[in-house]
Structures are given as structure tokens and as C-alpha cells.
């Protein structure tokens, strides 16, 4: 459970997108194309380029930050639109990279989560989430987590591969308060349905012991 795979492609890489891509604005579809491309401006995830002819002028008016490329494609601003879709499924935050794999696997490894010397959770039946570019996350049954250490938070986040979180928790230990340290998905994406209702912690901010071996805290682009 140690080691994190690096980016699959370099910044500047362009690849075809075989999926129908649409964007909705004000209740209308303003982008609709089957000829999108992926562009990596960031090492960990792509953005979509779409042909100018497949974009409603209303989309350009709503996105003053869009860029027109010499090849006739437009780089649109994700946040300028109400929703984006691959085929008929909504995608959150950014396009799913074709080079990223996400697997939720049942395991019998014993996982213990600690912070400031306090045990927050312990289980020998985790679901391990393997996601390219991120540390392996252990999703644990709520009964394996000490509820006395968790305080509900109003935070919600979204992930293109897992969906929209249902809950976040802040953790309190005798040493202090640690905001938004744990989360759960009640209705995750079908590909990772096994994590539904389970609780995960930021490995970057807690101490994780797996089968008796303490892992070094990873450093990722999320921290």
C-alpha cells in the first residue's frame, strides 16, 4: 500500500475523446460534440477541447475566459456551465482521464487510523480504493470508527471518478481540532459502489498502520 504512480502523460499531451460530451447552461444544452479532445494542462487530469462548431454562441457569452485555438477547437471554462456530461452521465470537477484507473477492492488487511496518538478507526475488513495518482484509501465500516472523535461538517466535495460526497467530519483529539479529515459517499459512482456508506480519512493528514506496519504520510497534489 505504499508508493503512488506518477502522471501517465506529460503536460501538453492531446488525445481524442471517444465519448459524447455535453454542457448545460440555464436548462439548455449549449455544448454537444462527439469530436472532443483531451488536453493535459495539469499533470494529473485533462480538460476538454471542443470544436467551435459544436458550441452554442450562448456558451461563449457565458464564458468570457474561453480560448480559441488555431486548430478550431475551444478550451472552455468548466465552472462557467451548470453541468457537464459524458454520454448521459454527469461528470464533476473535470473530465475523467482515460489513463486513470479506480478500483474498489475488498480486503482482509488490518488497517488502523491514528492521530495525535489516538486511535480513530480499526478494521480487518476494509474496502481499499486504488486510484491512479493518489495513495490507497481505506474505506471503513462506520462501526469500525470511533464516533466520539467525529463532528459533522457542512463541507461537500465532488470527484469525477467517485461522485459527490454525502458527509464530511472534523476530528477532535486532546491535541486539537482537525477540520474535514474524514468523508463518506452514500451514492458513489457505479464503478466504486463498494465504498457506499463507508468512511475514509486523508492519509496525508493521519497516521495509518497496515498489518502492523506504520506507513509514511504521503504527499500529494491534494495537500
Protein backbone atom coordinates (compact mmCIF):
# COMPACT_ATOMS: atom_id res chain seq x y z
CA UNK A 1 0.00 0.00 0.00
CA UNK A 2 2.98 2.32 -0.38
CA UNK A 3 4.01 4.26 -3.44
CA UNK A 4 1.92 6.42 -5.76
CA UNK A 5 2.04 6.05 -9.56
CA UNK A 6 3.07 9.25 -11.30
CA UNK A 7 1.29 11.07 -14.13
CA UNK A 8 0.72 8.89 -17.19
CA UNK A 9 1.30 11.63 -19.79
CA UNK A 10 3.20 14.93 -19.90
CA UNK A 11 1.67 18.38 -19.72
CA UNK A 12 0.66 19.43 -23.23
CA UNK A 13 -0.43 15.94 -24.28
CA UNK A 14 -3.54 15.84 -26.52
CA UNK A 15 -5.66 12.74 -27.13
CA UNK A 16 -9.00 12.03 -28.83
CA UNK A 17 -12.08 11.62 -26.63
CA UNK A 18 -14.41 8.89 -27.98
CA UNK A 19 -17.30 9.92 -25.70
CA UNK A 20 -20.15 12.29 -26.43
CA UNK A 21 -19.51 15.46 -24.43
CA UNK A 22 -22.21 17.97 -23.50
CA UNK A 23 -22.53 21.01 -21.27
CA UNK A 24 -25.73 22.51 -19.93
CA UNK A 25 -26.40 26.14 -19.08
CA UNK A 26 -29.67 27.65 -17.86
CA UNK A 27 -31.59 24.48 -18.61
CA UNK A 28 -30.27 24.23 -22.20
CA UNK A 29 -27.56 22.13 -23.79
CA UNK A 30 -25.04 24.61 -25.17
CA UNK A 31 -22.19 22.20 -25.98
CA UNK A 32 -22.79 18.92 -27.78
CA UNK A 33 -19.99 17.09 -29.56
CA UNK A 34 -18.73 13.62 -30.43
CA UNK A 35 -15.38 15.04 -31.53
CA UNK A 36 -13.90 16.36 -28.27
CA UNK A 37 -10.24 16.07 -27.38
CA UNK A 38 -8.40 15.79 -24.08
CA UNK A 39 -5.70 18.34 -23.27
CA UNK A 40 -3.42 18.00 -20.26
CA UNK A 41 -2.61 21.44 -18.89
CA UNK A 42 -2.07 19.85 -15.47
CA UNK A 43 -0.11 16.62 -14.94
CA UNK A 44 -2.93 14.87 -13.04
CA UNK A 45 -6.05 15.49 -15.11
CA UNK A 46 -7.16 16.78 -18.52
CA UNK A 47 -9.59 19.38 -19.79
CA UNK A 48 -11.80 19.05 -22.84
CA UNK A 49 -11.28 20.83 -26.13
CA UNK A 50 -14.43 21.05 -28.24
CA UNK A 51 -14.91 22.04 -31.91
CA UNK A 52 -16.14 25.62 -32.23
CA UNK A 53 -18.96 24.45 -34.50
CA UNK A 54 -20.41 22.32 -31.69
CA UNK A 55 -20.73 25.22 -29.26
CA UNK A 56 -23.81 27.46 -28.97
CA UNK A 57 -22.90 31.18 -29.06
CA UNK A 58 -24.64 31.49 -25.68
CA UNK A 59 -21.89 29.35 -24.21
CA UNK A 60 -19.22 31.77 -25.37
CA UNK A 61 -21.13 34.71 -23.93
CA UNK A 62 -21.30 32.92 -20.57
CA UNK A 63 -17.61 32.03 -20.64
CA UNK A 64 -15.55 35.18 -21.31
CA UNK A 65 -12.43 33.26 -20.31
CA UNK A 66 -12.68 30.69 -23.11
CA UNK A 67 -9.74 30.29 -25.51
CA UNK A 68 -9.92 29.65 -29.24
CA UNK A 69 -7.07 27.54 -30.60
CA UNK A 70 -5.53 27.64 -34.04
CA UNK A 71 -6.95 24.18 -34.80
CA UNK A 72 -10.54 25.43 -34.49
CA UNK A 73 -11.09 23.97 -31.03
CA UNK A 74 -12.23 25.86 -27.96
CA UNK A 75 -10.95 25.49 -24.42
CA UNK A 76 -13.97 26.29 -22.26
CA UNK A 77 -14.06 27.08 -18.54
CA UNK A 78 -15.62 24.20 -16.60
CA UNK A 79 -17.15 26.38 -13.91
CA UNK A 80 -18.91 28.64 -16.43
CA UNK A 81 -21.52 25.93 -17.03
CA UNK A 82 -24.17 24.32 -14.84
CA UNK A 83 -23.26 20.72 -15.64
CA UNK A 84 -21.07 18.58 -17.90
CA UNK A 85 -21.87 15.12 -19.22
CA UNK A 86 -20.07 12.14 -20.71
CA UNK A 87 -22.77 10.41 -22.74
CA UNK A 88 -25.75 10.62 -20.33
CA UNK A 89 -23.81 10.65 -17.05
CA UNK A 90 -22.90 13.87 -15.25
CA UNK A 91 -19.20 14.40 -14.57
CA UNK A 92 -17.97 16.59 -11.71
CA UNK A 93 -14.89 18.82 -11.34
CA UNK A 94 -13.05 17.85 -14.56
CA UNK A 95 -13.12 15.19 -17.30
CA UNK A 96 -12.21 11.65 -16.33
CA UNK A 97 -8.74 10.85 -17.60
CA UNK A 98 -8.57 7.80 -19.90
CA UNK A 99 -5.27 6.95 -18.18
CA UNK A 100 -6.65 6.85 -14.64
CA UNK A 101 -7.93 3.64 -13.11
CA UNK A 102 -10.05 3.47 -9.95
CA UNK A 103 -10.73 0.12 -8.26
CA UNK A 104 -12.58 -0.56 -5.00
CA UNK A 105 -11.44 -3.95 -3.69
CA UNK A 106 -12.50 -5.83 -0.57
CA UNK A 107 -9.53 -6.74 1.61
CA UNK A 108 -8.57 -8.57 4.81
CA UNK A 109 -5.67 -6.30 5.65
CA UNK A 110 -5.87 -4.86 9.15
CA UNK A 111 -5.98 -1.08 8.97
CA UNK A 112 -5.66 1.23 11.96
CA UNK A 113 -6.02 5.01 11.69
CA UNK A 114 -4.43 7.16 14.39
CA UNK A 115 -3.91 10.85 15.03
CA UNK A 116 -2.07 12.54 17.89
CA UNK A 117 -1.66 9.10 19.47
CA UNK A 118 -5.44 8.46 19.44
CA UNK A 119 -6.96 5.51 17.54
CA UNK A 120 -9.69 6.85 15.26
CA UNK A 121 -10.60 3.62 13.50
CA UNK A 122 -9.54 0.00 13.15
CA UNK A 123 -10.78 -2.74 10.82
CA UNK A 124 -9.76 -6.05 9.29
CA UNK A 125 -12.37 -5.77 6.52
CA UNK A 126 -11.64 -2.52 4.65
CA UNK A 127 -12.53 -1.70 1.09
CA UNK A 128 -9.32 -0.41 -0.47
CA UNK A 129 -9.68 2.25 -3.13
CA UNK A 130 -6.83 2.27 -5.64
CA UNK A 131 -6.87 5.49 -7.70
CA UNK A 132 -4.07 6.43 -10.05
CA UNK A 133 -2.03 9.31 -8.67
CA UNK A 134 -3.37 9.09 -5.12
CA UNK A 135 -2.48 6.98 -2.08
CA UNK A 136 -4.53 3.86 -1.46
CA UNK A 137 -7.53 4.90 0.65
CA UNK A 138 -9.02 2.52 3.18
CA UNK A 139 -12.81 2.86 3.36
CA UNK A 140 -14.05 1.52 6.69
CA UNK A 141 -17.40 0.46 8.05
CA UNK A 142 -18.81 3.16 10.39
CA UNK A 143 -18.84 0.62 13.23
CA UNK A 144 -15.02 0.47 12.95
CA UNK A 145 -14.71 4.23 13.53
CA UNK A 146 -14.81 5.92 16.96
CA UNK A 147 -17.86 8.22 16.69
CA UNK A 148 -16.80 10.19 19.75
CA UNK A 149 -13.95 11.68 17.71
CA UNK A 150 -16.06 12.83 14.75
CA UNK A 151 -18.01 16.07 14.41
CA UNK A 152 -20.24 16.60 11.34
CA UNK A 153 -19.09 19.25 8.87
CA UNK A 154 -21.04 21.13 6.20
CA UNK A 155 -18.29 20.51 3.65
CA UNK A 156 -19.17 18.69 0.42
CA UNK A 157 -16.76 17.82 -2.37
CA UNK A 158 -17.02 16.11 -5.74
CA UNK A 159 -14.80 13.74 -7.68
CA UNK A 160 -15.08 12.78 -11.36
CA UNK A 161 -14.44 9.12 -10.50
CA UNK A 162 -16.33 8.68 -7.23
CA UNK A 163 -19.18 11.22 -7.32
CA UNK A 164 -20.37 13.72 -4.71
CA UNK A 165 -19.68 13.23 -1.02
CA UNK A 166 -22.61 12.88 1.36
CA UNK A 167 -20.85 13.80 4.60
CA UNK A 168 -17.61 15.18 5.98
CA UNK A 169 -16.35 15.09 9.54
CA UNK A 170 -13.94 17.13 11.60
CA UNK A 171 -11.82 15.15 14.07
CA UNK A 172 -11.08 16.24 17.63
CA UNK A 173 -8.26 14.82 19.72
CA UNK A 174 -6.79 16.04 23.02
CA UNK A 175 -4.20 17.87 20.90
CA UNK A 176 -6.71 19.88 18.92
CA UNK A 177 -9.24 20.14 16.09
CA UNK A 178 -8.58 18.79 12.59
CA UNK A 179 -11.07 20.09 10.03
CA UNK A 180 -12.61 17.93 7.30
CA UNK A 181 -10.46 14.88 7.89
CA UNK A 182 -12.97 12.13 7.01
CA UNK A 183 -15.74 11.69 4.45
CA UNK A 184 -18.31 9.28 3.05
CA UNK A 185 -20.27 8.68 -0.16
CA UNK A 186 -23.81 7.37 0.20
CA UNK A 187 -24.30 7.10 -3.56
CA UNK A 188 -20.89 6.79 -5.23
CA UNK A 189 -20.33 6.22 -8.92
CA UNK A 190 -21.26 2.67 -10.02
CA UNK A 191 -17.62 1.75 -10.65
CA UNK A 192 -16.84 2.16 -6.93
CA UNK A 193 -20.20 1.12 -5.47
CA UNK A 194 -18.46 -0.90 -2.75
CA UNK A 195 -17.47 2.26 -0.86
CA UNK A 196 -21.11 3.32 -0.33
CA UNK A 197 -21.69 4.34 3.28
CA UNK A 198 -18.08 3.68 4.33
CA UNK A 199 -15.73 6.25 5.89
CA UNK A 200 -12.28 7.25 4.64
CA UNK A 201 -9.60 9.53 6.07
CA UNK A 202 -6.97 11.72 4.43
CA UNK A 203 -3.86 9.53 4.61
CA UNK A 204 -1.86 12.71 4.11
CA UNK A 205 -3.07 14.03 7.49
CA UNK A 206 -3.40 10.93 9.69
CA UNK A 207 -1.18 8.01 10.67
CA UNK A 208 -2.14 4.71 9.06
CA UNK A 209 -0.91 1.31 10.23
CA UNK A 210 -1.45 -1.59 7.81
CA UNK A 211 -0.87 -5.16 9.01
CA UNK A 212 1.23 -3.79 11.84
CA UNK A 213 3.42 -1.58 9.65
CA UNK A 214 3.14 2.18 10.05
CA UNK A 215 3.01 3.95 6.70
CA UNK A 216 4.80 7.18 6.00
CA UNK A 217 2.36 10.01 5.37
CA UNK A 218 2.18 10.58 1.61
CA UNK A 219 2.48 13.95 -0.08
CA UNK A 220 0.02 14.55 -2.92
CA UNK A 221 -1.36 17.39 -5.03
CA UNK A 222 -4.36 17.47 -2.64
CA UNK A 223 -2.27 18.68 0.31
